[in-house]
């Protein structure tokens, strides 16, 4: 099978699989280019509530397939940054399910997700210093927001790999699971997110990304949606809530923008 991005949608969960096992799921130029339009389609799909990004088999993504990027006049980093930015701007919750190597461009993609779940034995690295590449401003800022400046400098200056346990301590990873339990845990957590208020999640993505001009909008949405009343009623009646607010295409009023 050719290197490609595979995807499925079931029960509100879109799963995107990086499929290039011959090179530890390294991203080719074509795969980098195809990720943003794929994400746009999934963002507009009302059946999608949560997105899970993972790699085929025992590896998440070993970075960029350098050979595929050696085309005249092409900036290898620009494709990765565009894909990373599109993932960060996805208006619905995103989870990275990481096994094995999560290195270079793969780590960029994982960092662009809202949350990261890793299997024991996973290894993470930010490796532009091995290639003489200047890590983009947006990618550096996103990394610093996750792990702080000291750990970001450690990763960027050295290009060394760290184990999942250290990634957990520094905030690069949110949970580490024993071998064989990652898929079940990610599926379970994704189902939890599907059951929660889309209104809360969409507003929270905007606010945590730094957007400051929509407080009045979200207050009005909360007042008119009925979700708060439904949530309180469900709590008092000891039943699952039936939230009704929906964001429409590309999120209410647009995609999430970091600022």
Protein backbone atom coordinates (compact mmCIF):
# COMPACT_ATOMS: atom_id res chain seq x y z
CA UNK A 1 0.00 0.00 0.00
CA UNK A 2 1.26 3.47 -0.88
CA UNK A 3 2.09 5.91 1.94
CA UNK A 4 -1.16 7.62 2.81
CA UNK A 5 -3.50 8.98 5.47
CA UNK A 6 -6.33 6.58 6.24
CA UNK A 7 -9.46 7.66 8.06
CA UNK A 8 -12.68 6.26 9.44
CA UNK A 9 -15.67 7.79 11.21
CA UNK A 10 -17.73 5.77 13.70
CA UNK A 11 -19.89 6.73 16.68
CA UNK A 12 -18.81 10.37 16.55
CA UNK A 13 -15.08 9.56 16.48
CA UNK A 14 -12.91 10.22 13.42
CA UNK A 15 -9.68 8.21 13.40
CA UNK A 16 -6.84 9.34 11.12
CA UNK A 17 -4.03 6.81 10.68
CA UNK A 18 -0.58 7.76 9.39
CA UNK A 19 0.20 4.80 7.14
CA UNK A 20 3.78 4.42 5.92
CA UNK A 21 5.07 1.41 7.87
CA UNK A 22 8.05 0.85 5.57
CA UNK A 23 9.58 4.06 6.98
CA UNK A 24 8.12 4.07 10.50
CA UNK A 25 5.15 6.12 9.28
CA UNK A 26 7.31 9.02 8.11
CA UNK A 27 5.22 11.70 6.42
CA UNK A 28 5.79 12.16 2.69
CA UNK A 29 5.28 15.50 0.95
CA UNK A 30 1.99 14.23 -0.41
CA UNK A 31 0.80 13.21 3.07
CA UNK A 32 1.71 16.63 4.50
CA UNK A 33 -0.25 18.30 1.71
CA UNK A 34 -3.27 16.04 2.12
CA UNK A 35 -3.70 16.48 5.88
CA UNK A 36 -5.16 20.05 5.91
CA UNK A 37 -7.95 19.33 3.36
CA UNK A 38 -8.76 16.06 5.11
CA UNK A 39 -9.09 17.91 8.42
CA UNK A 40 -11.33 20.50 6.75
CA UNK A 41 -13.68 17.75 5.57
CA UNK A 42 -13.80 16.17 9.02
CA UNK A 43 -14.33 19.56 10.69
CA UNK A 44 -17.39 20.15 8.51
CA UNK A 45 -18.81 16.66 9.11
CA UNK A 46 -21.58 16.90 11.75
CA UNK A 47 -21.07 13.21 12.53
CA UNK A 48 -17.56 13.93 13.84
CA UNK A 49 -17.30 14.98 17.47
CA UNK A 50 -13.72 13.93 18.29
CA UNK A 51 -10.62 13.26 16.20
CA UNK A 52 -7.98 10.65 17.06
CA UNK A 53 -4.61 10.76 15.27
CA UNK A 54 -2.40 7.67 15.40
CA UNK A 55 0.14 5.69 13.41
CA UNK A 56 -0.05 2.34 11.71
CA UNK A 57 1.25 -0.51 13.86
CA UNK A 58 3.86 0.03 16.55
CA UNK A 59 5.03 3.53 15.56
CA UNK A 60 3.26 6.89 15.65
CA UNK A 61 5.42 8.84 13.20
CA UNK A 62 9.19 9.03 12.77
CA UNK A 63 9.00 12.51 11.21
CA UNK A 64 9.24 13.60 7.59
CA UNK A 65 10.27 11.29 4.79
CA UNK A 66 13.24 13.46 3.86
CA UNK A 67 13.76 11.79 0.48
CA UNK A 68 10.26 12.80 -0.64
CA UNK A 69 10.89 16.43 0.29
CA UNK A 70 14.04 16.93 -1.79
CA UNK A 71 12.20 18.59 -4.65
CA UNK A 72 13.70 21.74 -6.22
CA UNK A 73 12.37 24.94 -4.72
CA UNK A 74 10.46 23.21 -1.90
CA UNK A 75 10.80 24.28 1.72
CA UNK A 76 10.44 20.99 3.65
CA UNK A 77 9.41 22.73 6.85
CA UNK A 78 6.56 24.71 5.33
CA UNK A 79 4.50 21.61 4.53
CA UNK A 80 4.84 20.31 8.09
CA UNK A 81 3.97 23.68 9.63
CA UNK A 82 0.87 24.04 7.45
CA UNK A 83 -0.33 20.59 8.48
CA UNK A 84 0.48 21.22 12.12
CA UNK A 85 -1.36 24.55 12.09
CA UNK A 86 -4.41 22.96 10.46
CA UNK A 87 -4.48 20.31 13.18
CA UNK A 88 -4.12 22.90 15.95
CA UNK A 89 -7.00 24.89 14.41
CA UNK A 90 -9.34 21.87 14.22
CA UNK A 91 -12.49 23.06 16.06
CA UNK A 92 -13.25 19.77 17.83
CA UNK A 93 -11.26 17.87 20.48
CA UNK A 94 -8.21 16.06 19.12
CA UNK A 95 -6.27 13.20 20.70
CA UNK A 96 -2.92 11.72 19.68
CA UNK A 97 -2.52 8.01 20.42
CA UNK A 98 1.24 7.40 20.45
CA UNK A 99 3.12 4.13 20.21
CA UNK A 100 6.82 3.82 19.50
CA UNK A 101 8.62 6.71 17.87
CA UNK A 102 7.06 10.18 17.87
CA UNK A 103 9.89 12.21 16.42
CA UNK A 104 10.44 15.37 14.39
CA UNK A 105 7.37 16.16 12.33
CA UNK A 106 5.53 13.40 14.15
CA UNK A 107 6.13 15.17 17.44
CA UNK A 108 4.92 18.40 15.80
CA UNK A 109 1.63 16.69 14.92
CA UNK A 110 1.23 15.20 18.39
CA UNK A 111 1.93 18.58 20.00
CA UNK A 112 -0.73 20.18 17.80
CA UNK A 113 -3.38 17.84 19.24
CA UNK A 114 -5.30 18.86 22.33
CA UNK A 115 -4.23 15.79 24.33
CA UNK A 116 -1.64 13.05 23.98
CA UNK A 117 -1.91 9.47 25.26
CA UNK A 118 1.18 7.30 24.98
CA UNK A 119 2.05 3.65 25.44
CA UNK A 120 4.96 2.69 27.66
CA UNK A 121 8.08 2.53 25.54
CA UNK A 122 7.11 5.47 23.32
CA UNK A 123 9.93 7.89 22.56
CA UNK A 124 9.62 11.57 21.74
CA UNK A 125 12.06 13.94 20.05
CA UNK A 126 12.17 17.36 18.42
CA UNK A 127 15.00 16.99 15.97
CA UNK A 128 15.60 20.03 13.70
CA UNK A 129 19.09 20.47 15.19
CA UNK A 130 20.13 17.21 13.51
CA UNK A 131 19.30 18.65 10.10
CA UNK A 132 20.19 22.31 10.49
CA UNK A 133 16.53 23.33 10.25
CA UNK A 134 15.15 26.39 12.01
CA UNK A 135 12.09 25.25 13.95
CA UNK A 136 9.18 27.54 13.08
CA UNK A 137 8.02 30.25 15.47
CA UNK A 138 4.54 28.74 15.79
CA UNK A 139 5.89 25.23 16.44
CA UNK A 140 8.36 26.54 19.03
CA UNK A 141 5.66 28.56 20.79
CA UNK A 142 3.34 25.56 20.85
CA UNK A 143 6.09 23.36 22.32
CA UNK A 144 6.91 25.95 25.00
CA UNK A 145 3.24 26.19 25.96
CA UNK A 146 3.21 22.44 26.62
CA UNK A 147 6.52 21.79 28.37
CA UNK A 148 7.88 25.21 29.39
CA UNK A 149 10.97 27.00 28.06
CA UNK A 150 13.60 24.87 29.82
CA UNK A 151 12.37 21.53 28.48
CA UNK A 152 11.68 23.06 25.06
CA UNK A 153 15.30 24.23 24.93
CA UNK A 154 16.54 20.80 26.03
CA UNK A 155 14.61 19.13 23.22
CA UNK A 156 15.43 21.71 20.55
CA UNK A 157 19.10 22.22 21.43
CA UNK A 158 19.98 18.53 21.78
CA UNK A 159 17.56 16.73 19.44
CA UNK A 160 17.76 13.85 21.92
CA UNK A 161 14.85 11.48 22.46
CA UNK A 162 13.04 11.18 25.77
CA UNK A 163 11.00 8.31 27.16
CA UNK A 164 7.26 8.42 27.73
CA UNK A 165 7.64 8.77 31.50
CA UNK A 166 9.74 11.92 31.14
CA UNK A 167 7.32 13.24 28.53
CA UNK A 168 4.55 12.74 31.09
CA UNK A 169 6.46 14.62 33.81
CA UNK A 170 7.14 17.57 31.53
CA UNK A 171 3.58 17.88 30.21
CA UNK A 172 4.27 16.69 26.68
CA UNK A 173 2.07 13.65 27.38
CA UNK A 174 -1.15 13.52 29.40
CA UNK A 175 -1.34 9.78 30.16
CA UNK A 176 1.00 6.80 29.79
CA UNK A 177 -0.61 3.40 29.42
CA UNK A 178 0.83 -0.11 29.83
CA UNK A 179 1.53 -2.00 26.63
CA UNK A 180 -1.68 -3.23 25.04
CA UNK A 181 -3.98 -0.77 26.82
CA UNK A 182 -3.56 2.38 24.74
CA UNK A 183 -6.25 1.70 22.16
CA UNK A 184 -8.90 0.83 24.73
CA UNK A 185 -8.12 3.87 26.89
CA UNK A 186 -8.17 6.30 23.96
CA UNK A 187 -11.46 4.85 22.68
CA UNK A 188 -12.95 5.09 26.17
CA UNK A 189 -11.85 8.70 26.62
CA UNK A 190 -13.03 9.66 23.12
CA UNK A 191 -16.48 8.27 23.97
CA UNK A 192 -16.51 10.42 27.11
CA UNK A 193 -15.79 13.50 25.01
CA UNK A 194 -18.56 12.61 22.56
CA UNK A 195 -21.02 12.54 25.47
CA UNK A 196 -20.08 16.00 26.75
CA UNK A 197 -21.32 19.44 25.71
CA UNK A 198 -20.05 20.49 22.30
CA UNK A 199 -20.76 24.09 23.31
CA UNK A 200 -18.38 23.84 26.28
CA UNK A 201 -15.69 22.12 24.24
CA UNK A 202 -15.76 24.54 21.30
CA UNK A 203 -15.66 27.63 23.50
CA UNK A 204 -12.89 26.10 25.62
CA UNK A 205 -10.77 25.41 22.51
CA UNK A 206 -11.03 29.05 21.48
CA UNK A 207 -10.27 30.42 24.93
CA UNK A 208 -7.32 28.12 25.61
CA UNK A 209 -5.91 28.97 22.17
CA UNK A 210 -5.79 32.59 23.28
CA UNK A 211 -8.76 34.10 21.46
CA UNK A 212 -10.07 37.10 23.42
CA UNK A 213 -12.75 38.67 21.20
CA UNK A 214 -15.58 36.15 21.58
CA UNK A 215 -16.62 36.23 25.24
CA UNK A 216 -19.90 38.00 24.47
CA UNK A 217 -20.60 35.60 21.62
CA UNK A 218 -20.17 32.54 23.80
CA UNK A 219 -22.25 34.04 26.60
CA UNK A 220 -25.09 34.54 24.11
CA UNK A 221 -24.64 31.00 22.77
CA UNK A 222 -24.84 29.56 26.28
CA UNK A 223 -27.99 31.53 27.07
CA UNK A 224 -29.75 30.49 23.88
CA UNK A 225 -28.60 26.91 23.52
CA UNK A 226 -30.52 25.23 26.33
CA UNK A 227 -27.45 23.12 27.12
CA UNK A 228 -27.07 24.52 30.63
CA UNK A 229 -30.70 23.82 31.49
CA UNK A 230 -30.42 20.33 30.04
CA UNK A 231 -27.19 19.63 31.93
CA UNK A 232 -28.69 20.71 35.24
CA UNK A 233 -31.91 18.75 34.62
CA UNK A 234 -29.97 15.63 33.69
CA UNK A 235 -27.85 15.93 36.83
CA UNK A 236 -30.90 16.30 39.08
CA UNK A 237 -32.72 13.47 37.31
CA UNK A 238 -29.62 11.24 37.39
CA UNK A 239 -29.57 10.58 33.66
CA UNK A 240 -27.23 11.28 30.78
CA UNK A 241 -27.70 14.77 29.29
CA UNK A 242 -28.93 15.25 25.73
CA UNK A 243 -27.05 18.34 24.65
CA UNK A 244 -28.40 19.97 21.49
CA UNK A 245 -26.00 22.82 20.61
CA UNK A 246 -24.18 22.28 17.35
CA UNK A 247 -21.40 24.38 15.91
CA UNK A 248 -22.18 23.99 12.22
CA UNK A 249 -19.48 23.88 9.54
CA UNK A 250 -15.94 24.66 10.70
CA UNK A 251 -17.09 25.62 14.20
CA UNK A 252 -19.42 28.41 15.26
CA UNK A 253 -18.23 31.47 13.47
CA UNK A 254 -14.97 29.91 12.29
CA UNK A 255 -12.13 27.61 13.26
CA UNK A 256 -10.07 27.88 16.40
CA UNK A 257 -7.22 30.34 15.96
CA UNK A 258 -4.23 30.49 18.24
CA UNK A 259 -3.15 33.94 19.26
